[in-house]
Amino acid sequence: MKFSVTSGELKQHLQTVSKVINPKSMTTVPVLGNILFELEGNLLTLTAADINSRISSQLPVQNEGGAGCFTVPNQTLIGAINELPDQPIVLDVDEESYQAKIHYSNGQFSFLASSADTYPAALELTSDLQQATLPASSLLSGLEATMLAASADERRPIMTGVLLDFLEDRLVYVASDGRILVRRTDYKVKTAEVSSLCLPAKICQLLVRTLLPKESGDVQIAYDGKHIQLNMEQYTLTARLLDGRYPNYNSVIPPSSPYHIVVDKDALLYAAKRVSLFSNKASRLILFEIQDDKIRITANDLDLSAAAEEFILCQSDAGQTRLRIAFDFDMLQVILQGLKTEQVTIAIADQTRAGIITPNQEEEGEETLSLIIPLKLIGE
């Protein structure tokens, strides 16, 4: 089996598919540390997998010696290809001994490949499938806006991912760790059937950071309750979904709040960040006091006799009412950094009810809502 390809293109595809490889899976199934090569005609398919997910990528090559398949340890091949400048290379594999060679302009690499017979077969979804078609840009923005709020607590696995709630007239993305919640609604996506699925955080990160930014078309989604398959222009990703029933996210969102504060997002974020340096390191509590179109932000650490305060301007419908509410700065920062807007509106009621943060500028047909639970003020 022999084919030629440019080293730069092969490297790009190898680096992409290898992101799914998991050292824990390799301990159980060592061959999962390999990348599967399948050559048919002038099309090369590269596949990598772990126990729960699998990604394949296709690229055109110049076939110089028939069809075939083999696997190569991920680190062996990527390590060698990374050191080459972009140039045409020829990969030649003896189908009996699995001795492989990469020939390039002024040299060659020689290494041992292995049979593809022991590589796990592709997962077959059941016949009871539900399907949806999403623009890649829509899926990217929905996951990007919400996955930052997903929990890292493995004791509640369903909360560690992003919920995709397909409704007849909209698609809702939701993630929450119990202290913050982000809900992104896309009214441009409509589906015939009501259904939902929960994507693991690892898959969300792979899609957002690697796969979706390279896509300009649609993503075809098929899922059967346990697994999902996403078909893109260059890549096919199959993954196990998170098991369990996602909590009723709408029930924790206050239907309305009496007070609304409009403020510059960056001014709020950086003022709170400066003040938070003097907050208690355990609670990370920062206090907001809103009155007369000003926000007074304070924090203190009694153990270190440290304190800070800063004032920023805002627009408030509270009038002369003095509002006091405290937040965990780390949670507030996560929300504000995830919003692509110049101004935000903060809707609050009192110290016992969640605050709602919404961006003032959004794409048409999209709606983002972030919820943050306030911290209790001692003595109040």
Protein backbone atom coordinates (compact mmCIF):
# COMPACT_ATOMS: atom_id res chain seq x y z
CA MET A 1 0.00 0.00 0.00
CA LYS A 2 1.48 3.30 -1.08
CA PHE A 3 0.23 6.86 -1.39
CA SER A 4 1.53 10.43 -1.58
CA VAL A 5 0.22 13.51 0.23
CA THR A 6 1.55 16.82 1.51
CA SER A 7 2.98 16.63 5.04
CA GLY A 8 1.13 19.78 6.13
CA GLU A 9 -2.30 18.44 5.21
CA LEU A 10 -1.62 15.05 6.78
CA LYS A 11 -0.34 16.72 9.94
CA GLN A 12 -3.46 18.87 10.24
CA HIS A 13 -5.79 15.87 10.03
CA LEU A 14 -3.65 13.75 12.35
CA GLN A 15 -3.58 16.47 14.99
CA THR A 16 -7.35 16.88 14.77
CA VAL A 17 -8.36 13.24 15.12
CA SER A 18 -5.73 12.53 17.80
CA LYS A 19 -7.44 14.95 20.20
CA VAL A 20 -9.97 12.25 21.03
CA ILE A 21 -7.29 9.78 22.23
CA ASN A 22 -7.48 9.24 25.98
CA PRO A 23 -4.61 7.71 28.03
CA LYS A 24 -7.16 6.06 30.33
CA SER A 25 -8.72 4.24 27.39
CA MET A 26 -5.27 3.14 26.23
CA THR A 27 -4.73 1.41 29.57
CA THR A 28 -7.81 -0.73 28.97
CA VAL A 29 -7.49 -1.12 25.19
CA PRO A 30 -3.88 -0.39 24.10
CA VAL A 31 -4.72 -0.19 20.39
CA LEU A 32 -6.73 2.98 21.13
CA GLY A 33 -3.38 4.75 21.30
CA ASN A 34 -3.10 4.17 17.53
CA ILE A 35 -4.53 5.99 14.54
CA LEU A 36 -6.30 3.88 11.93
CA PHE A 37 -5.43 4.49 8.26
CA GLU A 38 -7.87 3.26 5.58
CA LEU A 39 -7.05 3.87 1.94
CA GLU A 40 -9.62 3.35 -0.80
CA GLY A 41 -9.01 4.85 -4.22
CA ASN A 42 -7.64 8.34 -3.76
CA LEU A 43 -9.38 8.88 -0.42
CA LEU A 44 -7.59 8.33 2.90
CA THR A 45 -9.66 8.02 6.09
CA LEU A 46 -7.97 8.64 9.43
CA THR A 47 -9.69 7.45 12.61
CA ALA A 48 -8.94 7.82 16.31
CA ALA A 49 -11.06 6.72 19.24
CA ASP A 50 -11.40 6.23 22.95
CA ILE A 51 -13.87 3.99 24.78
CA ASN A 52 -16.75 6.48 24.44
CA SER A 53 -16.08 8.41 21.22
CA ARG A 54 -14.65 8.13 17.74
CA ILE A 55 -13.64 10.68 15.09
CA SER A 56 -12.86 10.12 11.43
CA SER A 57 -11.41 12.50 8.89
CA GLN A 58 -11.09 12.14 5.13
CA LEU A 59 -8.52 13.72 2.84
CA PRO A 60 -7.61 13.24 -0.81
CA VAL A 61 -4.28 11.57 -1.60
CA GLN A 62 -2.52 10.18 -4.66
CA ASN A 63 -2.87 6.40 -4.54
CA GLU A 64 0.25 4.68 -5.84
CA GLY A 65 -0.32 1.10 -4.72
CA GLY A 66 -3.86 -0.19 -4.09
CA ALA A 67 -6.24 -0.13 -1.14
CA GLY A 68 -5.56 -1.26 2.42
CA CYS A 69 -5.61 -0.41 6.10
CA PHE A 70 -3.23 -0.36 9.07
CA THR A 71 -2.71 1.40 12.40
CA VAL A 72 0.21 3.46 13.71
CA PRO A 73 0.96 4.63 17.27
CA ASN A 74 -0.19 8.23 17.50
CA GLN A 75 2.99 9.67 19.02
CA THR A 76 5.28 7.89 16.56
CA LEU A 77 3.71 9.37 13.46
CA ILE A 78 2.78 12.84 14.70
CA GLY A 79 6.21 13.29 16.25
CA ALA A 80 7.87 12.57 12.92
CA ILE A 81 5.49 14.58 10.74
CA ASN A 82 5.67 17.62 13.05
CA GLU A 83 9.39 17.96 12.34
CA LEU A 84 8.95 18.14 8.57
CA PRO A 85 8.44 21.38 6.64
CA ASP A 86 5.39 21.32 4.38
CA GLN A 87 6.31 19.20 1.37
CA PRO A 88 5.11 16.17 -0.64
CA ILE A 89 5.75 12.85 1.14
CA VAL A 90 5.18 9.22 0.21
CA LEU A 91 3.96 6.69 2.78
CA ASP A 92 4.73 3.08 1.85
CA VAL A 93 3.51 0.11 3.95
CA ASP A 94 4.36 -3.53 3.33
CA GLU A 95 1.05 -5.38 3.83
CA GLU A 96 2.75 -8.56 5.10
CA SER A 97 5.45 -7.29 7.46
CA TYR A 98 3.76 -3.92 8.20
CA GLN A 99 7.12 -2.22 7.83
CA ALA A 100 6.32 1.40 7.00
CA LYS A 101 8.43 4.13 5.44
CA ILE A 102 7.85 7.82 4.89
CA HIS A 103 9.93 9.24 2.06
CA TYR A 104 10.46 13.00 1.84
CA SER A 105 12.66 15.32 -0.21
CA ASN A 106 15.98 14.56 1.46
CA GLY A 107 15.42 11.51 3.64
CA GLN A 108 13.07 8.92 5.05
CA PHE A 109 11.54 7.59 8.28
CA SER A 110 11.14 3.88 8.93
CA PHE A 111 8.82 2.44 11.60
CA LEU A 112 6.54 -0.51 12.30
CA ALA A 113 2.80 -0.29 11.66
CA SER A 114 0.30 -2.94 12.78
CA SER A 115 -2.76 -4.77 11.53
CA ALA A 116 -6.11 -2.99 11.65
CA ASP A 117 -7.89 -6.22 12.63
CA THR A 118 -7.79 -5.45 16.36
CA TYR A 119 -8.98 -1.86 16.01
CA PRO A 120 -12.55 -1.43 17.36
CA ALA A 121 -15.25 -1.32 14.70
CA ALA A 122 -17.26 1.84 14.15
CA LEU A 123 -20.29 2.18 16.43
CA GLU A 124 -23.62 1.49 14.76
CA LEU A 125 -26.53 3.59 16.01
CA THR A 126 -29.87 1.85 16.47
CA SER A 127 -32.61 2.13 13.87
CA ASP A 128 -34.74 4.28 16.20
CA LEU A 129 -32.97 7.49 15.23
CA GLN A 130 -33.83 11.14 15.62
CA GLN A 131 -32.20 13.58 13.26
CA ALA A 132 -31.55 17.30 12.96
CA THR A 133 -29.62 19.63 10.69
CA LEU A 134 -27.87 22.65 12.20
CA PRO A 135 -25.68 25.34 10.69
CA ALA A 136 -22.16 24.80 12.02
CA SER A 137 -22.07 28.44 13.14
CA SER A 138 -25.24 27.96 15.20
CA LEU A 139 -23.92 24.85 16.95
CA LEU A 140 -20.60 26.57 17.59
CA SER A 141 -22.12 29.68 19.17
CA GLY A 142 -24.61 27.67 21.25
CA LEU A 143 -21.99 25.34 22.72
CA GLU A 144 -19.45 28.14 23.16
CA ALA A 145 -21.92 30.27 25.11
CA THR A 146 -23.02 27.53 27.49
CA MET A 147 -20.29 24.95 28.09
CA LEU A 148 -18.41 27.33 30.41
CA ALA A 149 -21.18 26.84 32.99
CA ALA A 150 -21.04 23.02 33.01
CA SER A 151 -20.16 21.32 36.29
CA ALA A 152 -16.87 19.55 36.94
CA ASP A 153 -18.42 17.38 39.66
CA GLU A 154 -18.42 13.78 38.41
CA ARG A 155 -20.87 12.77 41.16
CA ARG A 156 -23.64 14.26 38.98
CA PRO A 157 -22.56 13.22 35.48
CA ILE A 158 -25.58 14.72 33.71
CA MET A 159 -24.55 18.19 34.92
CA THR A 160 -21.06 17.92 33.42
CA GLY A 161 -22.30 18.41 29.86
CA VAL A 162 -24.43 20.70 27.72
CA LEU A 163 -28.11 19.95 27.20
CA LEU A 164 -29.52 20.39 23.70
CA ASP A 165 -33.29 20.70 24.07
CA PHE A 166 -34.97 20.45 20.67
CA LEU A 167 -38.40 22.09 20.72
CA GLU A 168 -40.74 22.65 17.79
CA ASP A 169 -39.94 26.34 17.39
CA ARG A 170 -36.45 26.61 18.89
CA LEU A 171 -33.32 24.86 20.08
CA VAL A 172 -32.24 25.54 23.67
CA TYR A 173 -28.67 24.98 24.91
CA VAL A 174 -28.28 24.76 28.72
CA ALA A 175 -25.42 24.17 31.14
CA SER A 176 -25.25 24.63 34.90
CA ASP A 177 -23.11 23.70 37.87
CA GLY A 178 -25.75 24.61 40.46
CA ARG A 179 -24.27 28.05 41.15
CA ILE A 180 -24.55 29.51 37.68
CA LEU A 181 -26.69 28.57 34.70
CA VAL A 182 -26.45 29.68 31.07
CA ARG A 183 -29.33 29.20 28.64
CA ARG A 184 -28.92 30.03 24.95
CA THR A 185 -32.05 29.89 22.79
CA ASP A 186 -31.81 29.73 19.00
CA TYR A 187 -35.15 30.50 17.36
CA LYS A 188 -33.70 29.92 13.87
CA VAL A 189 -33.54 26.14 14.45
CA LYS A 190 -36.87 24.33 14.20
CA THR A 191 -37.42 20.58 14.39
CA ALA A 192 -40.35 18.27 13.68
CA GLU A 193 -39.99 16.33 16.94
CA VAL A 194 -39.43 17.36 20.53
CA SER A 195 -36.35 15.65 21.97
CA SER A 196 -33.24 16.32 24.03
CA LEU A 197 -29.69 15.06 24.47
CA CYS A 198 -26.75 15.90 26.72
CA LEU A 199 -23.28 16.22 25.18
CA PRO A 200 -20.25 15.43 27.40
CA ALA A 201 -17.93 18.35 28.11
CA LYS A 202 -15.04 16.68 26.26
CA ILE A 203 -17.09 16.44 23.09
CA CYS A 204 -18.24 20.06 23.44
CA GLN A 205 -14.63 21.19 23.77
CA LEU A 206 -13.56 19.15 20.76
CA LEU A 207 -16.34 20.65 18.66
CA VAL A 208 -15.81 24.25 19.81
CA ARG A 209 -12.02 24.37 19.83
CA THR A 210 -11.17 22.15 16.89
CA LEU A 211 -13.91 20.95 14.54
CA LEU A 212 -16.65 23.56 14.16
CA PRO A 213 -14.41 26.60 13.50
CA LYS A 214 -13.26 24.81 10.32
CA GLU A 215 -16.82 24.21 9.10
CA SER A 216 -18.89 26.61 7.01
CA GLY A 217 -21.86 24.44 6.08
CA ASP A 218 -24.40 22.36 7.98
CA VAL A 219 -23.88 19.66 10.58
CA GLN A 220 -26.04 16.54 10.21
CA ILE A 221 -26.93 15.12 13.63
CA ALA A 222 -28.33 11.65 14.31
CA TYR A 223 -28.89 10.28 17.82
CA ASP A 224 -30.62 7.32 19.41
CA GLY A 225 -30.76 8.10 23.13
CA LYS A 226 -27.35 6.65 23.97
CA HIS A 227 -25.08 7.85 21.19
CA ILE A 228 -24.80 10.74 18.76
CA GLN A 229 -23.20 11.01 15.35
CA LEU A 230 -22.27 14.38 13.86
CA ASN A 231 -21.46 14.46 10.16
CA MET A 232 -19.50 17.48 8.96
CA GLU A 233 -17.85 18.31 5.67
CA GLN A 234 -14.47 16.86 6.67
CA TYR A 235 -15.13 14.99 9.89
CA THR A 236 -17.48 12.41 11.38
CA LEU A 237 -17.73 12.33 15.17
CA THR A 238 -19.51 9.60 17.13
CA ALA A 239 -19.84 9.82 20.91
CA ARG A 240 -21.69 8.39 23.87
CA LEU A 241 -24.27 10.75 25.38
CA LEU A 242 -24.55 11.43 29.09
CA ASP A 243 -27.13 9.25 30.82
CA GLY A 244 -29.85 10.62 33.06
CA ARG A 245 -32.61 13.20 33.14
CA TYR A 246 -31.51 16.84 33.07
CA PRO A 247 -33.14 18.98 35.81
CA ASN A 248 -35.96 21.35 34.87
CA TYR A 249 -33.83 24.40 34.14
CA ASN A 250 -36.77 26.75 33.58
CA SER A 251 -38.02 26.20 37.13
CA VAL A 252 -34.97 27.89 38.70
CA ILE A 253 -35.11 31.00 36.50
CA PRO A 254 -37.10 33.84 38.14
CA PRO A 255 -39.98 34.82 35.82
CA SER A 256 -39.41 38.51 36.57
CA SER A 257 -37.32 40.87 38.71
CA PRO A 258 -38.30 44.37 39.90
CA TYR A 259 -34.94 46.05 39.34
CA HIS A 260 -32.80 46.30 36.20
CA ILE A 261 -29.28 47.72 35.97
CA VAL A 262 -27.61 48.43 32.62
CA VAL A 263 -23.82 48.61 32.79
CA ASP A 264 -20.77 48.41 30.55
CA LYS A 265 -19.66 44.76 30.65
CA ASP A 266 -15.92 45.37 30.60
CA ALA A 267 -16.11 48.19 33.16
CA LEU A 268 -18.01 45.86 35.50
CA LEU A 269 -15.70 42.89 34.89
CA TYR A 270 -12.41 44.70 35.40
CA ALA A 271 -13.59 46.74 38.38
CA ALA A 272 -14.86 43.57 40.05
CA LYS A 273 -11.61 41.80 39.19
CA ARG A 274 -9.48 44.50 40.82
CA VAL A 275 -11.64 44.57 43.93
CA SER A 276 -11.73 40.75 44.16
CA LEU A 277 -7.97 40.70 44.79
CA PHE A 278 -8.80 41.87 48.31
CA SER A 279 -11.70 39.46 48.89
CA ASN A 280 -11.69 36.47 51.19
CA LYS A 281 -9.87 33.69 49.32
CA ALA A 282 -12.37 31.07 50.46
CA SER A 283 -15.65 32.82 49.62
CA ARG A 284 -14.45 35.18 46.84
CA LEU A 285 -17.35 37.41 47.93
CA ILE A 286 -17.73 40.82 46.32
CA LEU A 287 -20.58 43.15 47.33
CA PHE A 288 -22.57 45.31 44.93
CA GLU A 289 -24.44 48.33 46.26
CA ILE A 290 -26.54 50.09 43.62
CA GLN A 291 -28.01 53.54 44.13
CA ASP A 292 -28.36 56.78 42.10
CA ASP A 293 -27.00 55.23 38.89
CA LYS A 294 -23.79 54.11 40.54
CA ILE A 295 -22.51 50.71 41.57
CA ARG A 296 -20.23 50.55 44.57
CA ILE A 297 -18.18 47.35 44.45
CA THR A 298 -16.46 46.29 47.67
CA ALA A 299 -14.60 43.33 49.09
CA ASN A 300 -12.62 42.61 52.23
CA ASP A 301 -10.60 39.94 53.93
CA LEU A 302 -10.82 40.40 57.69
CA ASP A 303 -8.11 37.82 58.32
CA LEU A 304 -5.59 39.90 56.38
CA SER A 305 -7.05 43.34 57.21
CA ALA A 306 -7.43 43.95 53.47
CA ALA A 307 -10.23 45.80 51.71
CA ALA A 308 -11.03 47.53 48.43
CA GLU A 309 -13.83 49.55 46.86
CA GLU A 310 -14.53 50.97 43.41
CA PHE A 311 -17.37 52.92 41.81
CA ILE A 312 -18.69 52.55 38.25
CA LEU A 313 -21.60 54.25 36.48
CA CYS A 314 -24.75 52.42 35.45
CA GLN A 315 -28.36 53.02 34.46
CA SER A 316 -30.83 51.78 37.05
CA ASP A 317 -34.60 51.83 37.45
CA ALA A 318 -34.26 51.42 41.23
CA GLY A 319 -34.43 55.19 41.82
CA GLN A 320 -33.51 56.03 45.40
CA THR A 321 -33.80 52.40 46.47
CA ARG A 322 -30.49 51.08 47.76
CA LEU A 323 -29.85 47.58 46.48
CA ARG A 324 -27.31 45.23 48.04
CA ILE A 325 -26.33 41.87 46.64
CA ALA A 326 -23.17 39.74 46.81
CA PHE A 327 -21.71 37.30 44.29
CA ASP A 328 -18.82 34.88 44.04
CA PHE A 329 -16.43 36.76 41.77
CA ASP A 330 -15.15 33.61 40.06
CA MET A 331 -18.70 32.70 39.01
CA LEU A 332 -19.46 36.25 37.88
CA GLN A 333 -16.27 36.33 35.84
CA VAL A 334 -17.17 33.10 34.03
CA ILE A 335 -20.49 34.60 32.96
CA LEU A 336 -19.19 37.99 31.90
CA GLN A 337 -16.24 36.60 29.94
CA GLY A 338 -18.62 34.38 27.98
CA LEU A 339 -20.81 37.27 26.78
CA LYS A 340 -19.94 38.95 23.47
CA THR A 341 -21.55 42.31 24.09
CA GLU A 342 -20.63 45.83 25.17
CA GLN A 343 -23.39 46.25 27.73
CA VAL A 344 -25.29 43.86 29.97
CA THR A 345 -28.51 44.14 31.93
CA ILE A 346 -28.55 42.72 35.46
CA ALA A 347 -32.03 41.93 36.80
CA ILE A 348 -32.25 41.46 40.56
CA ALA A 349 -34.84 41.38 43.30
CA ASP A 350 -33.09 40.93 46.65
CA GLN A 351 -30.29 38.97 48.33
CA THR A 352 -32.28 35.73 48.35
CA ARG A 353 -33.13 35.41 44.66
CA ALA A 354 -30.89 34.67 41.71
CA GLY A 355 -29.59 37.49 39.58
CA ILE A 356 -30.17 37.36 35.82
CA ILE A 357 -27.58 38.73 33.40
CA THR A 358 -28.46 39.26 29.74
CA PRO A 359 -26.47 40.83 26.89
CA ASN A 360 -27.85 44.02 25.34
CA GLN A 361 -26.58 43.14 21.86
CA GLU A 362 -27.26 39.75 20.26
CA GLU A 363 -27.62 38.17 16.84
CA GLU A 364 -31.16 38.17 15.49
CA GLY A 365 -33.04 35.04 16.54
CA GLU A 366 -30.76 34.30 19.50
CA GLU A 367 -31.34 34.91 23.19
CA THR A 368 -28.87 34.35 26.02
CA LEU A 369 -29.71 34.31 29.71
CA SER A 370 -27.25 33.74 32.54
CA LEU A 371 -28.29 33.06 36.12
CA ILE A 372 -26.05 33.49 39.15
CA ILE A 373 -26.91 32.55 42.74
CA PRO A 374 -26.07 35.34 45.24
CA LEU A 375 -23.98 34.75 48.35
CA LYS A 376 -25.53 35.26 51.77
CA LEU A 377 -24.36 38.34 53.64
CA ILE A 378 -23.54 37.62 57.27
CA GLY A 379 -25.90 39.39 59.63
CA GLU A 380 -28.45 40.28 56.95
